[in-house]
Amino acid sequence: MYDKFHWLDVQRIAEELADSDPELDPYAVNFVELRELVESLEGFAAREGHPPNERVLEEIQRLWSEEREGLTGDDD
């Protein structure tokens, strides 16, 4: 039912993570855990030739944090 998305869909991943656990602080999650969280999202399908790297994971964390702030209404 979900559209498929992959590692380069960083905004979609951030939105999915924020929706799945709004209380989880993105910066408290290390990159190994982040990768596992993303891979467990419904609709996620890694594409050959597009593995996650540090830059992609950092961008996911940043966008996830912004998305989380938007969901909670925090202005900090």
PDB file of N, CA and C in Angstrom:
ATOM      1  N   MET A   1       0.820  -1.201   0.000  1.00  0.00           N
ATOM      2  CA  MET A   1       0.000   0.000   0.000  1.00  0.00           C
ATOM      3  C   MET A   1       0.862   1.262   0.000  1.00  0.00           C
ATOM      4  N   TYR A   2       2.017   1.197   0.644  1.00  0.00           N
ATOM      5  CA  TYR A   2       2.911   2.343   0.683  1.00  0.00           C
ATOM      6  C   TYR A   2       3.699   2.440  -0.612  1.00  0.00           C
ATOM      7  N   ASP A   3       4.004   3.682  -1.023  1.00  0.00           N
ATOM      8  CA  ASP A   3       4.936   3.872  -2.114  1.00  0.00           C
ATOM      9  C   ASP A   3       6.312   3.451  -1.629  1.00  0.00           C
ATOM     10  N   LYS A   4       7.081   2.888  -2.505  1.00  0.00           N
ATOM     11  CA  LYS A   4       8.444   2.500  -2.161  1.00  0.00           C
ATOM     12  C   LYS A   4       9.329   3.748  -2.115  1.00  0.00           C
ATOM     13  N   PHE A   5      10.289   3.737  -1.212  1.00  0.00           N
ATOM     14  CA  PHE A   5      11.272   4.810  -1.141  1.00  0.00           C
ATOM     15  C   PHE A   5      12.607   4.202  -0.780  1.00  0.00           C
ATOM     16  N   HIS A   6      13.690   4.957  -1.017  1.00  0.00           N
ATOM     17  CA  HIS A   6      15.024   4.420  -0.823  1.00  0.00           C
ATOM     18  C   HIS A   6      15.920   5.468  -0.171  1.00  0.00           C
ATOM     19  N   TRP A   7      17.215   5.156  -0.039  1.00  0.00           N
ATOM     20  CA  TRP A   7      18.138   5.990   0.720  1.00  0.00           C
ATOM     21  C   TRP A   7      18.210   7.436   0.249  1.00  0.00           C
ATOM     22  N   LEU A   8      18.005   7.691  -1.015  1.00  0.00           N
ATOM     23  CA  LEU A   8      18.096   9.066  -1.502  1.00  0.00           C
ATOM     24  C   LEU A   8      16.836   9.876  -1.222  1.00  0.00           C
ATOM     25  N   ASP A   9      15.796   9.244  -0.743  1.00  0.00           N
ATOM     26  CA  ASP A   9      14.552   9.926  -0.381  1.00  0.00           C
ATOM     27  C   ASP A   9      14.625  10.392   1.075  1.00  0.00           C
ATOM     28  N   VAL A  10      15.601  11.238   1.372  1.00  0.00           N
ATOM     29  CA  VAL A  10      15.895  11.611   2.759  1.00  0.00           C
ATOM     30  C   VAL A  10      14.742  12.337   3.441  1.00  0.00           C
ATOM     31  N   GLN A  11      14.027  13.184   2.717  1.00  0.00           N
ATOM     32  CA  GLN A  11      12.892  13.892   3.322  1.00  0.00           C
ATOM     33  C   GLN A  11      11.795  12.912   3.704  1.00  0.00           C
ATOM     34  N   ARG A  12      11.481  11.996   2.817  1.00  0.00           N
ATOM     35  CA  ARG A  12      10.451  10.982   3.094  1.00  0.00           C
ATOM     36  C   ARG A  12      10.860  10.124   4.288  1.00  0.00           C
ATOM     37  N   ILE A  13      12.124   9.726   4.332  1.00  0.00           N
ATOM     38  CA  ILE A  13      12.613   8.923   5.451  1.00  0.00           C
ATOM     39  C   ILE A  13      12.456   9.689   6.755  1.00  0.00           C
ATOM     40  N   ALA A  14      12.836  10.969   6.753  1.00  0.00           N
ATOM     41  CA  ALA A  14      12.718  11.791   7.961  1.00  0.00           C
ATOM     42  C   ALA A  14      11.271  11.882   8.418  1.00  0.00           C
ATOM     43  N   GLU A  15      10.361  12.066   7.497  1.00  0.00           N
ATOM     44  CA  GLU A  15       8.939  12.144   7.837  1.00  0.00           C
ATOM     45  C   GLU A  15       8.448  10.825   8.422  1.00  0.00           C
ATOM     46  N   GLU A  16       8.831   9.728   7.803  1.00  0.00           N
ATOM     47  CA  GLU A  16       8.422   8.411   8.287  1.00  0.00           C
ATOM     48  C   GLU A  16       8.958   8.153   9.693  1.00  0.00           C
ATOM     49  N   LEU A  17      10.221   8.512   9.937  1.00  0.00           N
ATOM     50  CA  LEU A  17      10.808   8.308  11.259  1.00  0.00           C
ATOM     51  C   LEU A  17      10.119   9.171  12.309  1.00  0.00           C
ATOM     52  N   ALA A  18       9.827  10.416  11.970  1.00  0.00           N
ATOM     53  CA  ALA A  18       9.152  11.311  12.914  1.00  0.00           C
ATOM     54  C   ALA A  18       7.761  10.786  13.258  1.00  0.00           C
ATOM     55  N   ASP A  19       7.077  10.261  12.264  1.00  0.00           N
ATOM     56  CA  ASP A  19       5.744   9.709  12.498  1.00  0.00           C
ATOM     57  C   ASP A  19       5.793   8.414  13.310  1.00  0.00           C
ATOM     58  N   SER A  20       6.827   7.609  13.080  1.00  0.00           N
ATOM     59  CA  SER A  20       6.874   6.301  13.728  1.00  0.00           C
ATOM     60  C   SER A  20       7.201   6.383  15.212  1.00  0.00           C
ATOM     61  N   ASP A  21       7.980   7.380  15.623  1.00  0.00           N
ATOM     62  CA  ASP A  21       8.328   7.523  17.047  1.00  0.00           C
ATOM     63  C   ASP A  21       8.637   8.983  17.347  1.00  0.00           C
ATOM     64  N   PRO A  22       7.597   9.797  17.565  1.00  0.00           N
ATOM     65  CA  PRO A  22       7.795  11.241  17.752  1.00  0.00           C
ATOM     66  C   PRO A  22       8.583  11.619  18.997  1.00  0.00           C
ATOM     67  N   GLU A  23       8.731  10.719  19.950  1.00  0.00           N
ATOM     68  CA  GLU A  23       9.467  11.024  21.177  1.00  0.00           C
ATOM     69  C   GLU A  23      10.963  10.740  21.066  1.00  0.00           C
ATOM     70  N   LEU A  24      11.362   9.985  20.069  1.00  0.00           N
ATOM     71  CA  LEU A  24      12.758   9.592  19.915  1.00  0.00           C
ATOM     72  C   LEU A  24      13.582  10.761  19.381  1.00  0.00           C
ATOM     73  N   ASP A  25      14.658  11.107  20.089  1.00  0.00           N
ATOM     74  CA  ASP A  25      15.556  12.181  19.676  1.00  0.00           C
ATOM     75  C   ASP A  25      16.469  11.663  18.572  1.00  0.00           C
ATOM     76  N   PRO A  26      16.411  12.242  17.381  1.00  0.00           N
ATOM     77  CA  PRO A  26      17.233  11.770  16.273  1.00  0.00           C
ATOM     78  C   PRO A  26      18.727  11.781  16.581  1.00  0.00           C
ATOM     79  N   TYR A  27      19.177  12.723  17.391  1.00  0.00           N
ATOM     80  CA  TYR A  27      20.599  12.838  17.678  1.00  0.00           C
ATOM     81  C   TYR A  27      21.048  11.880  18.791  1.00  0.00           C
ATOM     82  N   ALA A  28      20.115  11.153  19.368  1.00  0.00           N
ATOM     83  CA  ALA A  28      20.461  10.124  20.356  1.00  0.00           C
ATOM     84  C   ALA A  28      20.642   8.769  19.675  1.00  0.00           C
ATOM     85  N   VAL A  29      20.425   8.729  18.369  1.00  0.00           N
ATOM     86  CA  VAL A  29      20.509   7.497  17.597  1.00  0.00           C
ATOM     87  C   VAL A  29      21.826   7.496  16.820  1.00  0.00           C
ATOM     88  N   ASN A  30      22.634   6.461  17.011  1.00  0.00           N
ATOM     89  CA  ASN A  30      23.877   6.388  16.229  1.00  0.00           C
ATOM     90  C   ASN A  30      23.556   5.906  14.812  1.00  0.00           C
ATOM     91  N   PHE A  31      24.546   5.992  13.931  1.00  0.00           N
ATOM     92  CA  PHE A  31      24.306   5.681  12.526  1.00  0.00           C
ATOM     93  C   PHE A  31      23.950   4.212  12.284  1.00  0.00           C
ATOM     94  N   VAL A  32      24.478   3.313  13.076  1.00  0.00           N
ATOM     95  CA  VAL A  32      24.118   1.900  12.934  1.00  0.00           C
ATOM     96  C   VAL A  32      22.637   1.721  13.264  1.00  0.00           C
ATOM     97  N   GLU A  33      22.194   2.316  14.359  1.00  0.00           N
ATOM     98  CA  GLU A  33      20.775   2.235  14.751  1.00  0.00           C
ATOM     99  C   GLU A  33      19.892   2.940  13.729  1.00  0.00           C
ATOM    100  N   LEU A  34      20.349   4.094  13.240  1.00  0.00           N
ATOM    101  CA  LEU A  34      19.570   4.843  12.253  1.00  0.00           C
ATOM    102  C   LEU A  34      19.366   4.003  10.999  1.00  0.00           C
ATOM    103  N   ARG A  35      20.417   3.378  10.560  1.00  0.00           N
ATOM    104  CA  ARG A  35      20.309   2.528   9.370  1.00  0.00           C
ATOM    105  C   ARG A  35      19.285   1.412   9.605  1.00  0.00           C
ATOM    106  N   GLU A  36      19.322   0.786  10.763  1.00  0.00           N
ATOM    107  CA  GLU A  36      18.369  -0.278  11.081  1.00  0.00           C
ATOM    108  C   GLU A  36      16.936   0.257  11.150  1.00  0.00           C
ATOM    109  N   LEU A  37      16.767   1.442  11.740  1.00  0.00           N
ATOM    110  CA  LEU A  37      15.430   2.042  11.812  1.00  0.00           C
ATOM    111  C   LEU A  37      14.875   2.305  10.420  1.00  0.00           C
ATOM    112  N   VAL A  38      15.708   2.861   9.562  1.00  0.00           N
ATOM    113  CA  VAL A  38      15.267   3.167   8.197  1.00  0.00           C
ATOM    114  C   VAL A  38      14.913   1.883   7.459  1.00  0.00           C
ATOM    115  N   GLU A  39      15.771   0.891   7.553  1.00  0.00           N
ATOM    116  CA  GLU A  39      15.538  -0.357   6.842  1.00  0.00           C
ATOM    117  C   GLU A  39      14.291  -1.083   7.330  1.00  0.00           C
ATOM    118  N   SER A  40      13.842  -0.779   8.534  1.00  0.00           N
ATOM    119  CA  SER A  40      12.638  -1.424   9.064  1.00  0.00           C
ATOM    120  C   SER A  40      11.351  -0.667   8.727  1.00  0.00           C
ATOM    121  N   LEU A  41      11.470   0.507   8.126  1.00  0.00           N
ATOM    122  CA  LEU A  41      10.278   1.280   7.785  1.00  0.00           C
ATOM    123  C   LEU A  41       9.486   0.584   6.681  1.00  0.00           C
ATOM    124  N   GLU A  42       8.186   0.575   6.847  1.00  0.00           N
ATOM    125  CA  GLU A  42       7.319  -0.001   5.819  1.00  0.00           C
ATOM    126  C   GLU A  42       7.435   0.830   4.545  1.00  0.00           C
ATOM    127  N   GLY A  43       7.692   0.161   3.454  1.00  0.00           N
ATOM    128  CA  GLY A  43       7.817   0.849   2.172  1.00  0.00           C
ATOM    129  C   GLY A  43       9.259   1.135   1.774  1.00  0.00           C
ATOM    130  N   PHE A  44      10.193   0.962   2.709  1.00  0.00           N
ATOM    131  CA  PHE A  44      11.593   1.205   2.375  1.00  0.00           C
ATOM    132  C   PHE A  44      12.135   0.038   1.576  1.00  0.00           C
ATOM    133  N   ALA A  45      12.828   0.348   0.495  1.00  0.00           N
ATOM    134  CA  ALA A  45      13.467  -0.673  -0.336  1.00  0.00           C
ATOM    135  C   ALA A  45      14.783  -0.110  -0.849  1.00  0.00           C
ATOM    136  N   ALA A  46      15.871  -0.619  -0.323  1.00  0.00           N
ATOM    137  CA  ALA A  46      17.187  -0.151  -0.761  1.00  0.00           C
ATOM    138  C   ALA A  46      17.368  -0.455  -2.240  1.00  0.00           C
ATOM    139  N   ARG A  47      18.063   0.449  -2.915  1.00  0.00           N
ATOM    140  CA  ARG A  47      18.371   0.244  -4.332  1.00  0.00           C
ATOM    141  C   ARG A  47      19.845  -0.096  -4.473  1.00  0.00           C
ATOM    142  N   GLU A  48      20.109  -1.033  -5.324  1.00  0.00           N
ATOM    143  CA  GLU A  48      21.497  -1.410  -5.592  1.00  0.00           C
ATOM    144  C   GLU A  48      22.240  -0.193  -6.143  1.00  0.00           C
ATOM    145  N   GLY A  49      23.431   0.019  -5.631  1.00  0.00           N
ATOM    146  CA  GLY A  49      24.236   1.146  -6.082  1.00  0.00           C
ATOM    147  C   GLY A  49      23.990   2.423  -5.310  1.00  0.00           C
ATOM    148  N   HIS A  50      23.064   2.400  -4.366  1.00  0.00           N
ATOM    149  CA  HIS A  50      22.761   3.569  -3.545  1.00  0.00           C
ATOM    150  C   HIS A  50      22.809   3.214  -2.061  1.00  0.00           C
ATOM    151  N   PRO A  51      23.967   2.775  -1.564  1.00  0.00           N
ATOM    152  CA  PRO A  51      24.065   2.458  -0.138  1.00  0.00           C
ATOM    153  C   PRO A  51      24.110   3.739   0.682  1.00  0.00           C
ATOM    154  N   PRO A  52      23.694   3.668   1.930  1.00  0.00           N
ATOM    155  CA  PRO A  52      23.764   4.870   2.763  1.00  0.00           C
ATOM    156  C   PRO A  52      25.216   5.189   3.103  1.00  0.00           C
ATOM    157  N   ASN A  53      25.528   6.466   3.156  1.00  0.00           N
ATOM    158  CA  ASN A  53      26.843   6.883   3.612  1.00  0.00           C
ATOM    159  C   ASN A  53      26.646   7.907   4.727  1.00  0.00           C
ATOM    160  N   GLU A  54      27.722   8.354   5.304  1.00  0.00           N
ATOM    161  CA  GLU A  54      27.637   9.272   6.443  1.00  0.00           C
ATOM    162  C   GLU A  54      26.875  10.548   6.090  1.00  0.00           C
ATOM    163  N   ARG A  55      27.103  11.067   4.914  1.00  0.00           N
ATOM    164  CA  ARG A  55      26.420  12.302   4.490  1.00  0.00           C
ATOM    165  C   ARG A  55      24.902  12.107   4.430  1.00  0.00           C
ATOM    166  N   VAL A  56      24.471  10.999   3.870  1.00  0.00           N
ATOM    167  CA  VAL A  56      23.036  10.699   3.773  1.00  0.00           C
ATOM    168  C   VAL A  56      22.440  10.530   5.171  1.00  0.00           C
ATOM    169  N   LEU A  57      23.130   9.792   6.026  1.00  0.00           N
ATOM    170  CA  LEU A  57      22.624   9.570   7.384  1.00  0.00           C
ATOM    171  C   LEU A  57      22.567  10.865   8.185  1.00  0.00           C
ATOM    172  N   GLU A  58      23.563  11.732   8.027  1.00  0.00           N
ATOM    173  CA  GLU A  58      23.541  13.034   8.705  1.00  0.00           C
ATOM    174  C   GLU A  58      22.361  13.875   8.239  1.00  0.00           C
ATOM    175  N   GLU A  59      22.103  13.859   6.937  1.00  0.00           N
ATOM    176  CA  GLU A  59      20.979  14.624   6.397  1.00  0.00           C
ATOM    177  C   GLU A  59      19.649  14.068   6.900  1.00  0.00           C
ATOM    178  N   ILE A  60      19.536  12.764   6.986  1.00  0.00           N
ATOM    179  CA  ILE A  60      18.320  12.162   7.536  1.00  0.00           C
ATOM    180  C   ILE A  60      18.122  12.617   8.979  1.00  0.00           C
ATOM    181  N   GLN A  61      19.183  12.575   9.778  1.00  0.00           N
ATOM    182  CA  GLN A  61      19.090  13.025  11.177  1.00  0.00           C
ATOM    183  C   GLN A  61      18.644  14.477  11.262  1.00  0.00           C
ATOM    184  N   ARG A  62      19.246  15.335  10.438  1.00  0.00           N
ATOM    185  CA  ARG A  62      18.913  16.761  10.469  1.00  0.00           C
ATOM    186  C   ARG A  62      17.442  16.987  10.107  1.00  0.00           C
ATOM    187  N   LEU A  63      17.012  16.383   9.023  1.00  0.00           N
ATOM    188  CA  LEU A  63      15.625  16.549   8.582  1.00  0.00           C
ATOM    189  C   LEU A  63      14.643  15.914   9.560  1.00  0.00           C
ATOM    190  N   TRP A  64      15.019  14.797  10.130  1.00  0.00           N
ATOM    191  CA  TRP A  64      14.181  14.122  11.124  1.00  0.00           C
ATOM    192  C   TRP A  64      14.006  15.036  12.324  1.00  0.00           C
ATOM    193  N   SER A  65      15.070  15.661  12.764  1.00  0.00           N
ATOM    194  CA  SER A  65      14.993  16.586  13.897  1.00  0.00           C
ATOM    195  C   SER A  65      14.056  17.750  13.586  1.00  0.00           C
ATOM    196  N   GLU A  66      14.194  18.318  12.394  1.00  0.00           N
ATOM    197  CA  GLU A  66      13.300  19.412  11.987  1.00  0.00           C
ATOM    198  C   GLU A  66      11.853  18.949  11.934  1.00  0.00           C
ATOM    199  N   GLU A  67      11.645  17.783  11.378  1.00  0.00           N
ATOM    200  CA  GLU A  67      10.290  17.224  11.281  1.00  0.00           C
ATOM    201  C   GLU A  67       9.707  16.984  12.669  1.00  0.00           C
ATOM    202  N   ARG A  68      10.499  16.464  13.556  1.00  0.00           N
ATOM    203  CA  ARG A  68      10.071  16.197  14.933  1.00  0.00           C
ATOM    204  C   ARG A  68       9.681  17.490  15.638  1.00  0.00           C
ATOM    205  N   GLU A  69      10.480  18.533  15.454  1.00  0.00           N
ATOM    206  CA  GLU A  69      10.158  19.825  16.054  1.00  0.00           C
ATOM    207  C   GLU A  69       8.845  20.365  15.518  1.00  0.00           C
ATOM    208  N   GLY A  70       8.606  20.163  14.233  1.00  0.00           N
ATOM    209  CA  GLY A  70       7.354  20.607  13.632  1.00  0.00           C
ATOM    210  C   GLY A  70       6.156  19.859  14.184  1.00  0.00           C
ATOM    211  N   LEU A  71       6.328  18.583  14.484  1.00  0.00           N
ATOM    212  CA  LEU A  71       5.233  17.772  15.014  1.00  0.00           C
ATOM    213  C   LEU A  71       4.912  18.135  16.451  1.00  0.00           C
ATOM    214  N   THR A  72       5.957  18.483  17.228  1.00  0.00           N
ATOM    215  CA  THR A  72       5.728  18.782  18.655  1.00  0.00           C
ATOM    216  C   THR A  72       5.433  20.252  18.902  1.00  0.00           C
ATOM    217  N   GLY A  73       5.684  21.086  17.883  1.00  0.00           N
ATOM    218  CA  GLY A  73       5.432  22.512  18.056  1.00  0.00           C
ATOM    219  C   GLY A  73       6.521  23.237  18.787  1.00  0.00           C
ATOM    220  N   ASP A  74       7.686  22.587  18.994  1.00  0.00           N
ATOM    221  CA  ASP A  74       8.809  23.242  19.672  1.00  0.00           C
ATOM    222  C   ASP A  74       9.382  24.317  18.763  1.00  0.00           C
ATOM    223  N   ASP A  75       9.729  25.449  19.365  1.00  0.00           N
ATOM    224  CA  ASP A  75      10.346  26.533  18.622  1.00  0.00           C
ATOM    225  C   ASP A  75      11.817  26.660  18.934  1.00  0.00           C
ATOM    226  N   ASP A  76      12.353  25.790  19.786  1.00  0.00           N
ATOM    227  CA  ASP A  76      13.758  25.871  20.185  1.00  0.00           C
ATOM    228  C   ASP A  76      14.684  25.375  19.123  1.00  0.00           C
TER     229      ASP A  76
END
